[in-house]
C-alpha atoms as a PDB file:
ATOM      1  CA  MET A   1     138.432 147.139 133.778  1.00  0.00           C
ATOM      2  CA  ASN A   2     140.066 143.731 134.050  1.00  0.00           C
ATOM      3  CA  ASP A   3     136.836 142.269 135.394  1.00  0.00           C
ATOM      4  CA  MET A   4     134.979 143.586 132.269  1.00  0.00           C
ATOM      5  CA  LYS A   5     137.621 141.993 129.989  1.00  0.00           C
ATOM      6  CA  ASN A   6     137.194 138.673 131.789  1.00  0.00           C
ATOM      7  CA  LYS A   7     133.368 138.809 131.413  1.00  0.00           C
ATOM      8  CA  ILE A   8     133.658 139.582 127.677  1.00  0.00           C
ATOM      9  CA  PHE A   9     136.182 136.830 127.185  1.00  0.00           C
ATOM     10  CA  ILE A  10     133.942 134.336 129.003  1.00  0.00           C
ATOM     11  CA  PHE A  11     130.883 135.525 127.043  1.00  0.00           C
ATOM     12  CA  LEU A  12     132.776 135.122 123.725  1.00  0.00           C
ATOM     13  CA  THR A  13     134.103 131.702 124.714  1.00  0.00           C
ATOM     14  CA  ILE A  14     130.534 130.446 125.555  1.00  0.00           C
ATOM     15  CA  LEU A  15     129.114 131.977 122.316  1.00  0.00           C
ATOM     16  CA  ALA A  16     131.864 130.264 120.276  1.00  0.00           C
ATOM     17  CA  GLY A  17     131.090 126.947 121.984  1.00  0.00           C
ATOM     18  CA  ILE A  18     127.356 127.298 121.270  1.00  0.00           C
ATOM     19  CA  LEU A  19     127.961 128.163 117.595  1.00  0.00           C
ATOM     20  CA  SER A  20     130.384 125.320 117.101  1.00  0.00           C
ATOM     21  CA  ILE A  21     127.890 122.853 118.602  1.00  0.00           C
ATOM     22  CA  GLN A  22     125.194 124.067 116.231  1.00  0.00           C
ATOM     23  CA  SER A  23     127.469 123.967 113.176  1.00  0.00           C
ATOM     24  CA  CYS A  24     128.606 120.413 114.014  1.00  0.00           C
ATOM     25  CA  ASP A  25     124.947 119.250 113.648  1.00  0.00           C
ATOM     26  CA  ASP A  26     124.619 120.836 110.211  1.00  0.00           C
ATOM     27  CA  GLU A  27     126.918 118.271 108.556  1.00  0.00           C
ATOM     28  CA  LYS A  28     128.139 115.160 110.201  1.00  0.00           C
ATOM     29  CA  GLN A  29     129.930 112.078 108.875  1.00  0.00           C
ATOM     30  CA  ILE A  30     128.159 108.910 109.935  1.00  0.00           C
ATOM     31  CA  SER A  31     128.562 105.227 109.403  1.00  0.00           C
ATOM     32  CA  PHE A  32     126.702 103.424 106.571  1.00  0.00           C
ATOM     33  CA  GLY A  33     124.608 101.613 109.183  1.00  0.00           C
ATOM     34  CA  LYS A  34     123.188 104.937 110.364  1.00  0.00           C
ATOM     35  CA  LEU A  35     121.601 105.592 107.021  1.00  0.00           C
ATOM     36  CA  PRO A  36     117.840 105.054 106.832  1.00  0.00           C
ATOM     37  CA  GLU A  37     117.047 101.426 105.833  1.00  0.00           C
ATOM     38  CA  ALA A  38     115.571 102.528 102.502  1.00  0.00           C
ATOM     39  CA  ALA A  39     118.870 104.246 101.529  1.00  0.00           C
ATOM     40  CA  GLN A  40     120.972 101.218 102.637  1.00  0.00           C
ATOM     41  CA  ALA A  41     118.761  98.943 100.548  1.00  0.00           C
ATOM     42  CA  PHE A  42     119.160 101.215  97.493  1.00  0.00           C
ATOM     43  CA  VAL A  43     122.890 101.261  97.766  1.00  0.00           C
ATOM     44  CA  ASN A  44     122.990  97.464  98.216  1.00  0.00           C
ATOM     45  CA  GLN A  45     120.643  96.946  95.216  1.00  0.00           C
ATOM     46  CA  TYR A  46     122.290  99.282  92.652  1.00  0.00           C
ATOM     47  CA  PHE A  47     125.947  99.634  93.917  1.00  0.00           C
ATOM     48  CA  SER A  48     126.637  96.494  95.854  1.00  0.00           C
ATOM     49  CA  SER A  49     130.077  96.006  94.184  1.00  0.00           C
ATOM     50  CA  GLU A  50     131.219  99.568  95.104  1.00  0.00           C
ATOM     51  CA  GLU A  51     132.922 100.587  98.347  1.00  0.00           C
ATOM     52  CA  VAL A  52     131.262 103.300 100.375  1.00  0.00           C
ATOM     53  CA  VAL A  53     133.873 105.943 101.046  1.00  0.00           C
ATOM     54  CA  PHE A  54     131.811 108.184 103.343  1.00  0.00           C
ATOM     55  CA  VAL A  55     128.313 108.969 104.425  1.00  0.00           C
ATOM     56  CA  GLU A  56     127.278 112.451 105.536  1.00  0.00           C
ATOM     57  CA  ARG A  57     124.137 113.561 107.315  1.00  0.00           C
ATOM     58  CA  GLU A  58     123.180 117.127 106.435  1.00  0.00           C
ATOM     59  CA  LYS A  59     120.692 119.228 108.358  1.00  0.00           C
ATOM     60  CA  ASP A  60     119.067 122.110 106.562  1.00  0.00           C
ATOM     61  CA  ASP A  61     115.880 123.964 107.582  1.00  0.00           C
ATOM     62  CA  GLY A  62     115.166 121.276 110.194  1.00  0.00           C
ATOM     63  CA  LYS A  63     115.219 118.524 107.589  1.00  0.00           C
ATOM     64  CA  ARG A  64     117.894 115.826 107.402  1.00  0.00           C
ATOM     65  CA  ASP A  65     119.371 114.702 104.115  1.00  0.00           C
ATOM     66  CA  TYR A  66     122.106 112.204 103.394  1.00  0.00           C
ATOM     67  CA  LYS A  67     124.926 112.108 100.958  1.00  0.00           C
ATOM     68  CA  VAL A  68     126.895 108.886 100.148  1.00  0.00           C
ATOM     69  CA  MET A  69     130.152 108.916  98.228  1.00  0.00           C
ATOM     70  CA  LEU A  70     131.325 105.714  96.545  1.00  0.00           C
ATOM     71  CA  ALA A  71     134.973 104.767  95.668  1.00  0.00           C
ATOM     72  CA  ASN A  72     134.292 105.093  91.972  1.00  0.00           C
ATOM     73  CA  GLY A  73     133.215 108.766  92.442  1.00  0.00           C
ATOM     74  CA  THR A  74     129.501 108.230  92.391  1.00  0.00           C
ATOM     75  CA  GLU A  75     127.481 110.545  94.608  1.00  0.00           C
ATOM     76  CA  LEU A  76     124.051 109.540  95.992  1.00  0.00           C
ATOM     77  CA  ASP A  77     121.668 111.929  97.735  1.00  0.00           C
ATOM     78  CA  PHE A  78     118.756 110.775  99.909  1.00  0.00           C
ATOM     79  CA  ASN A  79     115.984 112.545 101.774  1.00  0.00           C
ATOM     80  CA  GLU A  80     115.166 112.112 105.469  1.00  0.00           C
ATOM     81  CA  SER A  81     113.220 108.922 104.938  1.00  0.00           C
ATOM     82  CA  GLY A  82     116.041 107.392 102.776  1.00  0.00           C
ATOM     83  CA  THR A  83     114.381 107.852  99.324  1.00  0.00           C
ATOM     84  CA  TRP A  84     116.928 108.775  96.675  1.00  0.00           C
ATOM     85  CA  THR A  85     116.794 112.318  95.298  1.00  0.00           C
ATOM     86  CA  SER A  86     119.874 112.311  93.094  1.00  0.00           C
ATOM     87  CA  VAL A  87     122.361 109.830  91.584  1.00  0.00           C
ATOM     88  CA  ASP A  88     125.473 111.125  89.874  1.00  0.00           C
ATOM     89  CA  CYS A  89     127.672 108.425  88.446  1.00  0.00           C
ATOM     90  CA  LYS A  90     130.114 110.976  86.931  1.00  0.00           C
ATOM     91  CA  PHE A  91     132.396 108.422  85.294  1.00  0.00           C
ATOM     92  CA  SER A  92     129.947 105.589  84.332  1.00  0.00           C
ATOM     93  CA  SER A  93     126.362 105.037  83.250  1.00  0.00           C
ATOM     94  CA  LEU A  94     123.504 104.832  85.636  1.00  0.00           C
ATOM     95  CA  PRO A  95     122.644 101.282  86.804  1.00  0.00           C
ATOM     96  CA  ALA A  96     120.072  99.354  84.774  1.00  0.00           C
ATOM     97  CA  GLY A  97     116.604  99.622  86.255  1.00  0.00           C
ATOM     98  CA  LEU A  98     117.177 103.002  87.994  1.00  0.00           C
ATOM     99  CA  ILE A  99     115.633 105.098  85.199  1.00  0.00           C
ATOM    100  CA  PRO A 100     111.881 104.580  84.882  1.00  0.00           C
ATOM    101  CA  ALA A 101     111.089 102.298  81.866  1.00  0.00           C
ATOM    102  CA  ALA A 102     109.238 104.973  79.791  1.00  0.00           C
ATOM    103  CA  ILE A 103     112.158 107.405  80.163  1.00  0.00           C
ATOM    104  CA  ALA A 104     114.808 104.750  79.368  1.00  0.00           C
ATOM    105  CA  SER A 105     112.865 103.824  76.310  1.00  0.00           C
ATOM    106  CA  HIS A 106     112.652 107.466  75.126  1.00  0.00           C
ATOM    107  CA  ILE A 107     116.347 108.004  75.645  1.00  0.00           C
ATOM    108  CA  ALA A 108     117.278 104.764  73.796  1.00  0.00           C
ATOM    109  CA  THR A 109     115.171 105.742  70.855  1.00  0.00           C
ATOM    110  CA  ASN A 110     115.891 109.476  70.587  1.00  0.00           C
ATOM    111  CA  TYR A 111     119.409 109.665  71.961  1.00  0.00           C
ATOM    112  CA  PRO A 112     120.925 106.214  70.981  1.00  0.00           C
ATOM    113  CA  GLN A 113     124.518 107.381  71.380  1.00  0.00           C
ATOM    114  CA  ALA A 114     123.974 109.099  74.747  1.00  0.00           C
ATOM    115  CA  VAL A 115     124.826 107.503  78.024  1.00  0.00           C
ATOM    116  CA  PRO A 116     122.719 108.590  81.050  1.00  0.00           C
ATOM    117  CA  TYR A 117     125.018 109.251  84.003  1.00  0.00           C
ATOM    118  CA  LYS A 118     123.000 111.472  86.290  1.00  0.00           C
ATOM    119  CA  ILE A 119     119.349 111.478  87.467  1.00  0.00           C
ATOM    120  CA  GLU A 120     117.656 113.911  89.765  1.00  0.00           C
ATOM    121  CA  LYS A 121     114.129 113.881  91.104  1.00  0.00           C
ATOM    122  CA  GLU A 122     112.677 117.298  90.484  1.00  0.00           C
ATOM    123  CA  ILE A 123     109.304 118.708  91.500  1.00  0.00           C
ATOM    124  CA  GLY A 124     106.939 117.067  89.033  1.00  0.00           C
ATOM    125  CA  GLY A 125     109.449 114.750  87.338  1.00  0.00           C
ATOM    126  CA  TYR A 126     113.062 113.972  86.556  1.00  0.00           C
ATOM    127  CA  GLU A 127     116.101 115.563  85.060  1.00  0.00           C
ATOM    128  CA  ILE A 128     118.459 113.218  83.354  1.00  0.00           C
ATOM    129  CA  SER A 129     122.010 114.205  82.304  1.00  0.00           C
ATOM    130  CA  VAL A 130     123.410 112.244  79.304  1.00  0.00           C
ATOM    131  CA  THR A 131     126.715 112.362  77.532  1.00  0.00           C
ATOM    132  CA  GLY A 132     126.908 114.983  74.835  1.00  0.00           C
ATOM    133  CA  GLY A 133     125.995 117.812  77.158  1.00  0.00           C
ATOM    134  CA  TYR A 134     122.247 117.293  77.265  1.00  0.00           C
ATOM    135  CA  ASN A 135     119.840 117.531  80.263  1.00  0.00           C
ATOM    136  CA  LEU A 136     116.610 115.843  79.508  1.00  0.00           C
ATOM    137  CA  LEU A 137     113.454 116.798  81.505  1.00  0.00           C
ATOM    138  CA  TYR A 138     110.582 114.317  82.045  1.00  0.00           C
ATOM    139  CA  SER A 139     107.350 114.441  83.934  1.00  0.00           C
ATOM    140  CA  THR A 140     106.691 111.906  86.747  1.00  0.00           C
ATOM    141  CA  ASP A 141     104.848 109.595  84.351  1.00  0.00           C
ATOM    142  CA  GLY A 142     107.826 109.606  81.946  1.00  0.00           C
ATOM    143  CA  THR A 143     106.491 112.086  79.366  1.00  0.00           C
ATOM    144  CA  PHE A 144     109.323 113.958  77.682  1.00  0.00           C
ATOM    145  CA  ILE A 145     109.125 117.684  78.415  1.00  0.00           C
ATOM    146  CA  ARG A 146     112.207 119.315  76.833  1.00  0.00           C
ATOM    147  CA  GLN A 147     115.954 119.106  76.231  1.00  0.00           C
ATOM    148  CA  GLU A 148     118.434 121.597  77.669  1.00  0.00           C
ATOM    149  CA  THR A 149     122.121 121.884  76.768  1.00  0.00           C
ATOM    150  CA  ASP A 150     125.195 122.602  78.879  1.00  0.00           C
ATOM    151  CA  PHE A 151     126.768 124.799  76.146  1.00  0.00           C
END
């Protein structure tokens, strides 16, 4: 009986070790220098004055994604190749030049008081969050699709 308990204990210990190794690879904090070059260039271009607080590599369904958190609260998401997928400035406006020109023009004309603070690349276009509780949806070429509200 004692021999059986020992075997079960050893089996459970090995299983726990294997599971912990796998889960460690799902999310891992890495250095800024380990980000793909395109992601590093993006951060340096648009957020050069901000301190990088942490960089996390996430693995989901065999794909690697990256999350970067800046000292001012901005969160940046990148895909495996280092192309940005989401920028959330939370407490400030998106950097100039980040929003495609046609979209920036539409927002300035139709939402002159709104400040864009978040942009996400969606399948077929962009979703831009602006102050006032609006989410604005655009096609890839910058054509306005619709407005949604957070209320």
